[in-house]
Amino acid sequence: FPSHDKGIVDADMKMQGKWKIYYPGGKLKAEGDYKDGKRLGKWVFFYSNGQIEQVGTYTNGKPDGEWKWYHLNGNILREEFYISGREDGEMKEYDPNGKIVASGQYIDGLKTGKWEFKSDSYRYAGSYIDDSQTGNWKGYFDNGRKAFDGDYLNGLENGEHRYFYEDGKLREIRNYKLGLPDGEWKSFDEEGEPILFTTYRAGVS
């Protein structure tokens, strides 16, 4: 065990009780309890400047229950739940200013159901089944106009995908078949005039 870490090691060389883990420079990195060499109960992890990085609980050495991550400024970064080491339940992720940038549901470690991703100027939403994008996904600019519309099957682009300019005019059409470009791809300038046409068959133009 690193000499700068502090805790009890029993005769079988298993960590027991309260432990403190340190960065090479001596700053506290994490603290919590061990039982028979496995993390147990509440653990707190720190950035090298002393700010809390994440807080959560372990059961038999695996994350279990609610976990929270933090930005360097102290604001919440992510909230999620674990069961026996796998994400299970609602997840929310935030930018440093507290705005939600991602939200959705995990079941047994896999994204499932409706998910939404946001940035300052864009919102993207759709559904997952067993961690794979499925069905129709849509994207919107911050002015509320549609930026994207397309379908997925087992995580692969499928069918017609349409992209738009911020004023609502069509920018591009792409056709796919199970992730491969297949059919006509068309691009348009901001006046609506066609500027590029390409035809693909199973990924080959």
Protein backbone atom coordinates (compact mmCIF):
# COMPACT_ATOMS: atom_id res chain seq x y z
CA PHE A 1 0.00 0.00 0.00
CA PRO A 2 1.31 3.55 -0.69
CA SER A 3 3.17 4.77 2.38
CA HIS A 4 1.30 8.10 2.49
CA ASP A 5 -2.15 6.44 2.74
CA LYS A 6 -3.46 5.92 6.27
CA GLY A 7 -5.54 3.05 7.60
CA ILE A 8 -5.55 -0.39 9.16
CA VAL A 9 -4.38 -3.54 7.39
CA ASP A 10 -5.16 -6.82 9.15
CA ALA A 11 -3.06 -9.98 9.32
CA ASP A 12 -4.50 -11.15 6.00
CA MET A 13 -3.38 -7.87 4.35
CA LYS A 14 -6.99 -6.68 4.01
CA MET A 15 -7.86 -3.05 4.62
CA GLN A 16 -10.23 -2.53 7.54
CA GLY A 17 -12.03 0.45 9.09
CA LYS A 18 -11.45 4.11 8.29
CA TRP A 19 -8.95 4.98 5.57
CA LYS A 20 -7.58 8.17 4.07
CA ILE A 21 -6.08 8.13 0.56
CA TYR A 22 -3.69 10.90 -0.51
CA TYR A 23 -2.37 12.40 -3.73
CA PRO A 24 1.42 11.99 -4.29
CA GLY A 25 1.90 15.56 -3.07
CA GLY A 26 0.18 14.82 0.23
CA LYS A 27 -3.27 16.34 -0.39
CA LEU A 28 -6.27 14.26 0.69
CA LYS A 29 -7.79 12.39 -2.27
CA ALA A 30 -10.47 10.20 -0.66
CA GLU A 31 -11.72 8.98 2.69
CA GLY A 32 -14.09 6.25 3.79
CA ASP A 33 -14.35 2.80 5.34
CA TYR A 34 -13.18 -0.64 4.30
CA LYS A 35 -14.40 -4.02 5.44
CA ASP A 36 -12.33 -7.06 4.51
CA GLY A 37 -10.59 -5.08 1.75
CA LYS A 38 -13.79 -3.75 0.17
CA ARG A 39 -15.15 -0.23 0.35
CA LEU A 40 -18.24 0.11 2.53
CA GLY A 41 -20.63 2.94 3.30
CA LYS A 42 -20.06 6.61 2.51
CA TRP A 43 -16.93 7.68 0.63
CA VAL A 44 -15.88 11.21 -0.25
CA PHE A 45 -13.42 12.02 -3.06
CA PHE A 46 -11.60 15.34 -3.43
CA TYR A 47 -9.94 17.38 -6.16
CA SER A 48 -6.28 18.20 -5.47
CA ASN A 49 -7.33 21.69 -4.31
CA GLY A 50 -9.48 20.19 -1.53
CA GLN A 51 -12.86 20.76 -3.22
CA ILE A 52 -15.22 17.76 -3.09
CA GLU A 53 -15.25 15.88 -6.41
CA GLN A 54 -17.79 13.13 -5.66
CA VAL A 55 -19.73 11.59 -2.80
CA GLY A 56 -21.45 8.22 -2.69
CA THR A 57 -21.89 4.93 -0.90
CA TYR A 58 -20.52 1.44 -1.41
CA THR A 59 -21.96 -1.96 -0.57
CA ASN A 60 -19.53 -4.87 -0.66
CA GLY A 61 -17.04 -2.82 -2.66
CA LYS A 62 -19.49 -1.66 -5.34
CA PRO A 63 -21.20 1.73 -5.77
CA ASP A 64 -24.72 1.43 -4.38
CA GLY A 65 -27.34 4.13 -3.86
CA GLU A 66 -27.12 7.83 -4.70
CA TRP A 67 -23.88 9.35 -6.04
CA LYS A 68 -23.14 13.01 -6.65
CA TRP A 69 -20.28 14.61 -8.61
CA TYR A 70 -19.26 18.28 -8.36
CA HIS A 71 -17.60 20.88 -10.58
CA LEU A 72 -14.48 22.64 -9.31
CA ASN A 73 -16.65 25.67 -8.47
CA GLY A 74 -18.68 23.52 -6.04
CA ASN A 75 -21.82 23.31 -8.16
CA ILE A 76 -23.35 19.91 -8.80
CA LEU A 77 -22.04 18.12 -11.91
CA ARG A 78 -23.99 14.86 -11.94
CA GLU A 79 -26.57 12.99 -9.85
CA GLU A 80 -27.28 9.30 -10.37
CA PHE A 81 -28.12 6.07 -8.61
CA TYR A 82 -26.41 2.69 -8.53
CA ILE A 83 -27.47 -0.83 -7.66
CA SER A 84 -24.62 -3.30 -7.10
CA GLY A 85 -22.13 -1.26 -9.14
CA ARG A 86 -24.36 -0.40 -12.09
CA GLU A 87 -26.26 2.79 -12.86
CA ASP A 88 -29.95 2.26 -12.18
CA GLY A 89 -32.49 5.05 -12.05
CA GLU A 90 -32.64 8.70 -13.06
CA MET A 91 -29.47 10.55 -14.07
CA LYS A 92 -29.01 14.32 -14.39
CA GLU A 93 -25.89 16.16 -15.49
CA TYR A 94 -25.32 19.92 -15.13
CA ASP A 95 -22.98 22.54 -16.54
CA PRO A 96 -20.87 24.65 -14.13
CA ASN A 97 -23.69 27.23 -13.93
CA GLY A 98 -26.32 24.71 -12.83
CA LYS A 99 -28.15 24.19 -16.13
CA ILE A 100 -29.14 20.61 -16.99
CA VAL A 101 -27.15 19.34 -19.99
CA ALA A 102 -28.22 15.67 -19.95
CA SER A 103 -31.01 13.68 -18.33
CA GLY A 104 -32.43 10.21 -18.64
CA GLN A 105 -32.92 6.81 -17.10
CA TYR A 106 -30.60 3.83 -16.58
CA ILE A 107 -31.72 0.27 -16.01
CA ASP A 108 -29.02 -2.21 -15.00
CA GLY A 109 -26.27 0.06 -16.34
CA LEU A 110 -27.88 0.73 -19.74
CA LYS A 111 -29.56 3.89 -21.04
CA THR A 112 -33.27 3.14 -21.41
CA GLY A 113 -36.29 5.25 -22.30
CA LYS A 114 -36.37 8.96 -23.08
CA TRP A 115 -33.11 10.93 -22.93
CA GLU A 116 -32.39 14.60 -23.57
CA PHE A 117 -29.12 16.45 -24.15
CA LYS A 118 -28.74 20.24 -24.09
CA SER A 119 -26.14 22.89 -24.81
CA ASP A 120 -26.34 26.68 -24.89
CA SER A 121 -27.78 26.65 -28.39
CA TYR A 122 -29.07 23.14 -29.07
CA ARG A 123 -31.38 20.46 -27.63
CA TYR A 124 -31.35 16.82 -28.77
CA ALA A 125 -33.87 14.22 -27.58
CA GLY A 126 -35.03 10.68 -28.25
CA SER A 127 -35.18 7.19 -26.78
CA TYR A 128 -32.79 4.37 -25.95
CA ILE A 129 -33.34 0.65 -25.64
CA ASP A 130 -30.51 -1.23 -23.90
CA ASP A 131 -28.04 1.65 -24.48
CA SER A 132 -28.84 1.95 -28.22
CA GLN A 133 -30.61 4.90 -29.82
CA THR A 134 -33.95 3.82 -31.22
CA GLY A 135 -36.93 5.39 -32.98
CA ASN A 136 -37.20 9.05 -33.87
CA TRP A 137 -34.71 11.62 -32.54
CA LYS A 138 -35.12 15.37 -32.90
CA GLY A 139 -32.85 18.34 -32.36
CA TYR A 140 -33.89 21.98 -31.80
CA PHE A 141 -32.08 25.31 -31.84
CA ASP A 142 -32.50 27.62 -28.85
CA ASN A 143 -34.97 29.66 -30.92
CA GLY A 144 -37.31 26.64 -30.90
CA ARG A 145 -36.89 25.77 -34.57
CA LYS A 146 -36.08 22.21 -35.57
CA ALA A 147 -32.40 21.50 -36.28
CA PHE A 148 -32.54 17.75 -36.91
CA ASP A 149 -35.03 14.93 -37.46
CA GLY A 150 -34.08 11.30 -38.03
CA ASP A 151 -34.67 7.69 -37.03
CA TYR A 152 -32.39 5.08 -35.45
CA LEU A 153 -32.61 1.30 -35.26
CA ASN A 154 -30.44 -0.59 -32.77
CA GLY A 155 -28.21 2.46 -32.43
CA LEU A 156 -27.73 2.90 -36.19
CA GLU A 157 -28.98 5.69 -38.44
CA ASN A 158 -31.88 4.39 -40.52
CA GLY A 159 -34.00 6.11 -43.15
CA GLU A 160 -34.05 9.82 -43.94
CA HIS A 161 -32.18 12.26 -41.70
CA ARG A 162 -32.99 15.93 -42.21
CA TYR A 163 -30.87 18.89 -41.03
CA PHE A 164 -32.03 22.53 -40.96
CA TYR A 165 -30.66 26.06 -40.78
CA GLU A 166 -31.62 28.19 -37.77
CA ASP A 167 -34.26 30.01 -39.83
CA GLY A 168 -36.04 26.70 -40.49
CA LYS A 169 -34.87 26.15 -44.06
CA LEU A 170 -33.69 22.70 -45.08
CA ARG A 171 -29.89 22.38 -45.04
CA GLU A 172 -29.25 18.71 -45.79
CA ILE A 173 -30.95 15.36 -46.39
CA ARG A 174 -29.08 12.13 -45.71
CA ASN A 175 -30.46 8.64 -46.27
CA TYR A 176 -29.21 5.60 -44.35
CA LYS A 177 -29.81 1.90 -44.15
CA LEU A 178 -28.69 0.41 -40.83
CA GLY A 179 -25.89 2.94 -40.36
CA LEU A 180 -24.62 3.01 -43.94
CA PRO A 181 -25.27 5.86 -46.38
CA ASP A 182 -27.88 4.48 -48.78
CA GLY A 183 -29.87 6.54 -51.25
CA GLU A 184 -29.75 10.25 -52.05
CA TRP A 185 -27.83 12.82 -50.02
CA LYS A 186 -28.70 16.44 -50.80
CA SER A 187 -27.27 19.74 -49.54
CA PHE A 188 -28.87 23.18 -49.91
CA ASP A 189 -27.58 26.71 -49.36
CA GLU A 190 -29.32 29.21 -47.09
CA GLU A 191 -31.48 30.38 -50.00
CA GLY A 192 -32.78 26.87 -50.55
CA GLU A 193 -30.79 26.25 -53.71
CA PRO A 194 -29.28 22.74 -54.15
CA ILE A 195 -25.48 22.71 -53.97
CA LEU A 196 -24.61 18.99 -53.80
CA PHE A 197 -26.31 15.73 -54.77
CA THR A 198 -24.76 12.32 -54.08
CA THR A 199 -26.25 8.85 -54.36
CA TYR A 200 -25.03 5.99 -52.18
CA ARG A 201 -25.65 2.29 -52.24
CA ALA A 202 -24.70 0.42 -49.05
CA GLY A 203 -22.13 3.09 -48.13
CA VAL A 204 -20.55 3.46 -51.58
CA SER A 205 -21.15 6.56 -53.71
